[in-house]
């Protein structure tokens, strides 16, 4: 087995440039996470993810957009969402999103403020 620097390290701005292999492994893991959320577990609601984990599909698409923008690629929120979701947000909502309960909405306010609003 080949030894390699763990891709699961605390994020450091001064970290050494990752190897091509590490970049490929990270990209593969991201693609698998995306597939899991977009194909395997469409039943899991964004609001539940946000309330439990502090991020959701929209966060992932926003991080994708931010990475593109940081590299000089012009990408808006809707374009990033469509690339991540594989469909328009309206189509996703119509096919998979359920109405959130009041308790979910209340928990979301806190989760959003703690994880996104501090941004």
C-alpha atoms as a PDB file:
ATOM      1  CA  UNK A   1       0.000   0.000   0.000  1.00  0.00           C
ATOM      2  CA  UNK A   2       1.354   3.420  -0.929  1.00  0.00           C
ATOM      3  CA  UNK A   3       1.743   5.896   1.905  1.00  0.00           C
ATOM      4  CA  UNK A   4       0.243   9.299   1.340  1.00  0.00           C
ATOM      5  CA  UNK A   5      -0.572  12.406   3.279  1.00  0.00           C
ATOM      6  CA  UNK A   6      -4.098  12.184   4.634  1.00  0.00           C
ATOM      7  CA  UNK A   7      -6.624  14.263   2.717  1.00  0.00           C
ATOM      8  CA  UNK A   8      -8.599  14.514   5.943  1.00  0.00           C
ATOM      9  CA  UNK A   9      -6.546  17.124   7.748  1.00  0.00           C
ATOM     10  CA  UNK A  10      -7.652  20.426   9.231  1.00  0.00           C
ATOM     11  CA  UNK A  11      -7.810  23.063   6.511  1.00  0.00           C
ATOM     12  CA  UNK A  12      -4.701  25.218   6.535  1.00  0.00           C
ATOM     13  CA  UNK A  13      -4.205  28.168   4.223  1.00  0.00           C
ATOM     14  CA  UNK A  14      -0.442  27.609   4.299  1.00  0.00           C
ATOM     15  CA  UNK A  15      -0.674  23.874   3.533  1.00  0.00           C
ATOM     16  CA  UNK A  16       1.562  22.458   0.843  1.00  0.00           C
ATOM     17  CA  UNK A  17       0.131  22.033  -2.630  1.00  0.00           C
ATOM     18  CA  UNK A  18      -1.708  18.698  -2.738  1.00  0.00           C
ATOM     19  CA  UNK A  19      -0.424  16.024  -5.076  1.00  0.00           C
ATOM     20  CA  UNK A  20      -2.332  15.146  -8.233  1.00  0.00           C
ATOM     21  CA  UNK A  21      -3.300  11.836  -6.631  1.00  0.00           C
ATOM     22  CA  UNK A  22      -4.734  13.595  -3.588  1.00  0.00           C
ATOM     23  CA  UNK A  23      -6.705  15.984  -5.813  1.00  0.00           C
ATOM     24  CA  UNK A  24      -8.111  13.013  -7.745  1.00  0.00           C
ATOM     25  CA  UNK A  25      -9.077  11.196  -4.538  1.00  0.00           C
ATOM     26  CA  UNK A  26     -10.770  14.300  -3.163  1.00  0.00           C
ATOM     27  CA  UNK A  27     -12.636  14.816  -6.444  1.00  0.00           C
ATOM     28  CA  UNK A  28     -13.764  11.168  -6.459  1.00  0.00           C
ATOM     29  CA  UNK A  29     -15.004  11.465  -2.884  1.00  0.00           C
ATOM     30  CA  UNK A  30     -16.895  14.659  -3.776  1.00  0.00           C
ATOM     31  CA  UNK A  31     -18.494  13.004  -6.821  1.00  0.00           C
ATOM     32  CA  UNK A  32     -19.563  10.052  -4.657  1.00  0.00           C
ATOM     33  CA  UNK A  33     -21.053  12.381  -2.039  1.00  0.00           C
ATOM     34  CA  UNK A  34     -22.896  14.224  -4.785  1.00  0.00           C
ATOM     35  CA  UNK A  35     -24.255  10.960  -6.232  1.00  0.00           C
ATOM     36  CA  UNK A  36     -25.266   9.767  -2.782  1.00  0.00           C
ATOM     37  CA  UNK A  37     -27.234  12.961  -2.123  1.00  0.00           C
ATOM     38  CA  UNK A  38     -28.672  13.394  -5.612  1.00  0.00           C
ATOM     39  CA  UNK A  39     -29.493   9.794  -6.547  1.00  0.00           C
ATOM     40  CA  UNK A  40     -29.269   7.424  -3.586  1.00  0.00           C
ATOM     41  CA  UNK A  41     -30.830   9.564  -0.829  1.00  0.00           C
ATOM     42  CA  UNK A  42     -33.237  11.980  -2.462  1.00  0.00           C
ATOM     43  CA  UNK A  43     -35.488  11.324   0.542  1.00  0.00           C
ATOM     44  CA  UNK A  44     -33.130  13.236   2.838  1.00  0.00           C
ATOM     45  CA  UNK A  45     -34.318  16.822   3.007  1.00  0.00           C
ATOM     46  CA  UNK A  46     -31.943  19.795   2.875  1.00  0.00           C
ATOM     47  CA  UNK A  47     -33.486  21.262   6.020  1.00  0.00           C
ATOM     48  CA  UNK A  48     -32.730  18.069   7.956  1.00  0.00           C
ATOM     49  CA  UNK A  49     -29.138  18.042   6.707  1.00  0.00           C
ATOM     50  CA  UNK A  50     -28.713  21.673   7.697  1.00  0.00           C
ATOM     51  CA  UNK A  51     -30.235  21.123  11.119  1.00  0.00           C
ATOM     52  CA  UNK A  52     -28.131  18.030  11.855  1.00  0.00           C
ATOM     53  CA  UNK A  53     -24.859  18.683  10.044  1.00  0.00           C
ATOM     54  CA  UNK A  54     -24.725  22.418   9.439  1.00  0.00           C
ATOM     55  CA  UNK A  55     -24.638  22.080   5.646  1.00  0.00           C
ATOM     56  CA  UNK A  56     -26.887  20.868   2.839  1.00  0.00           C
ATOM     57  CA  UNK A  57     -26.943  20.426  -0.922  1.00  0.00           C
ATOM     58  CA  UNK A  58     -27.299  24.185  -1.383  1.00  0.00           C
ATOM     59  CA  UNK A  59     -24.159  24.738   0.692  1.00  0.00           C
ATOM     60  CA  UNK A  60     -22.260  22.252  -1.460  1.00  0.00           C
ATOM     61  CA  UNK A  61     -23.412  24.007  -4.630  1.00  0.00           C
ATOM     62  CA  UNK A  62     -22.461  27.387  -3.108  1.00  0.00           C
ATOM     63  CA  UNK A  63     -18.990  26.099  -2.215  1.00  0.00           C
ATOM     64  CA  UNK A  64     -18.659  24.850  -5.801  1.00  0.00           C
ATOM     65  CA  UNK A  65     -19.662  28.300  -7.068  1.00  0.00           C
ATOM     66  CA  UNK A  66     -17.225  30.030  -4.716  1.00  0.00           C
ATOM     67  CA  UNK A  67     -14.388  27.751  -5.871  1.00  0.00           C
ATOM     68  CA  UNK A  68     -15.200  28.570  -9.488  1.00  0.00           C
ATOM     69  CA  UNK A  69     -15.374  32.304  -8.797  1.00  0.00           C
ATOM     70  CA  UNK A  70     -12.044  32.204  -6.900  1.00  0.00           C
ATOM     71  CA  UNK A  71     -10.492  30.731 -10.044  1.00  0.00           C
ATOM     72  CA  UNK A  72     -11.913  33.435 -12.298  1.00  0.00           C
ATOM     73  CA  UNK A  73     -14.815  31.340 -13.598  1.00  0.00           C
ATOM     74  CA  UNK A  74     -18.016  33.357 -13.771  1.00  0.00           C
ATOM     75  CA  UNK A  75     -20.719  31.221 -12.174  1.00  0.00           C
ATOM     76  CA  UNK A  76     -23.912  32.324 -10.482  1.00  0.00           C
ATOM     77  CA  UNK A  77     -25.913  30.648  -7.724  1.00  0.00           C
ATOM     78  CA  UNK A  78     -28.555  29.128 -10.016  1.00  0.00           C
ATOM     79  CA  UNK A  79     -25.968  27.770 -12.464  1.00  0.00           C
ATOM     80  CA  UNK A  80     -24.008  26.169  -9.605  1.00  0.00           C
ATOM     81  CA  UNK A  81     -27.170  24.637  -8.171  1.00  0.00           C
ATOM     82  CA  UNK A  82     -28.179  23.226 -11.535  1.00  0.00           C
ATOM     83  CA  UNK A  83     -24.704  21.736 -12.016  1.00  0.00           C
ATOM     84  CA  UNK A  84     -24.759  20.191  -8.534  1.00  0.00           C
ATOM     85  CA  UNK A  85     -28.384  19.021  -8.551  1.00  0.00           C
ATOM     86  CA  UNK A  86     -28.308  17.882 -12.170  1.00  0.00           C
ATOM     87  CA  UNK A  87     -31.580  19.742 -12.722  1.00  0.00           C
ATOM     88  CA  UNK A  88     -33.096  23.117 -11.988  1.00  0.00           C
ATOM     89  CA  UNK A  89     -33.928  23.967  -8.397  1.00  0.00           C
ATOM     90  CA  UNK A  90     -37.609  24.144  -9.354  1.00  0.00           C
ATOM     91  CA  UNK A  91     -37.450  20.596 -10.747  1.00  0.00           C
ATOM     92  CA  UNK A  92     -35.682  19.341  -7.592  1.00  0.00           C
ATOM     93  CA  UNK A  93     -38.284  20.927  -5.342  1.00  0.00           C
ATOM     94  CA  UNK A  94     -41.161  19.544  -7.398  1.00  0.00           C
ATOM     95  CA  UNK A  95     -39.725  16.032  -7.428  1.00  0.00           C
ATOM     96  CA  UNK A  96     -38.147  15.647  -3.992  1.00  0.00           C
ATOM     97  CA  UNK A  97     -38.723  18.455  -1.524  1.00  0.00           C
ATOM     98  CA  UNK A  98     -41.407  18.051   1.113  1.00  0.00           C
ATOM     99  CA  UNK A  99     -43.046  20.728   3.242  1.00  0.00           C
ATOM    100  CA  UNK A 100     -40.983  21.485   6.338  1.00  0.00           C
ATOM    101  CA  UNK A 101     -42.566  21.248   9.770  1.00  0.00           C
ATOM    102  CA  UNK A 102     -42.582  24.281  12.042  1.00  0.00           C
ATOM    103  CA  UNK A 103     -40.060  22.589  14.350  1.00  0.00           C
ATOM    104  CA  UNK A 104     -37.709  22.039  11.387  1.00  0.00           C
ATOM    105  CA  UNK A 105     -38.044  25.680  10.359  1.00  0.00           C
ATOM    106  CA  UNK A 106     -37.205  26.867  13.880  1.00  0.00           C
ATOM    107  CA  UNK A 107     -34.153  24.606  14.101  1.00  0.00           C
ATOM    108  CA  UNK A 108     -33.081  25.803  10.646  1.00  0.00           C
ATOM    109  CA  UNK A 109     -32.960  29.435  11.792  1.00  0.00           C
ATOM    110  CA  UNK A 110     -30.370  28.505  14.410  1.00  0.00           C
ATOM    111  CA  UNK A 111     -28.420  26.162  12.134  1.00  0.00           C
ATOM    112  CA  UNK A 112     -28.301  28.756   9.345  1.00  0.00           C
ATOM    113  CA  UNK A 113     -27.116  31.504  11.665  1.00  0.00           C
ATOM    114  CA  UNK A 114     -24.430  29.280  13.207  1.00  0.00           C
ATOM    115  CA  UNK A 115     -23.143  27.836   9.919  1.00  0.00           C
ATOM    116  CA  UNK A 116     -23.955  30.173   7.058  1.00  0.00           C
ATOM    117  CA  UNK A 117     -24.900  33.533   8.549  1.00  0.00           C
ATOM    118  CA  UNK A 118     -21.549  33.972  10.280  1.00  0.00           C
ATOM    119  CA  UNK A 119     -19.890  33.888   6.864  1.00  0.00           C
END
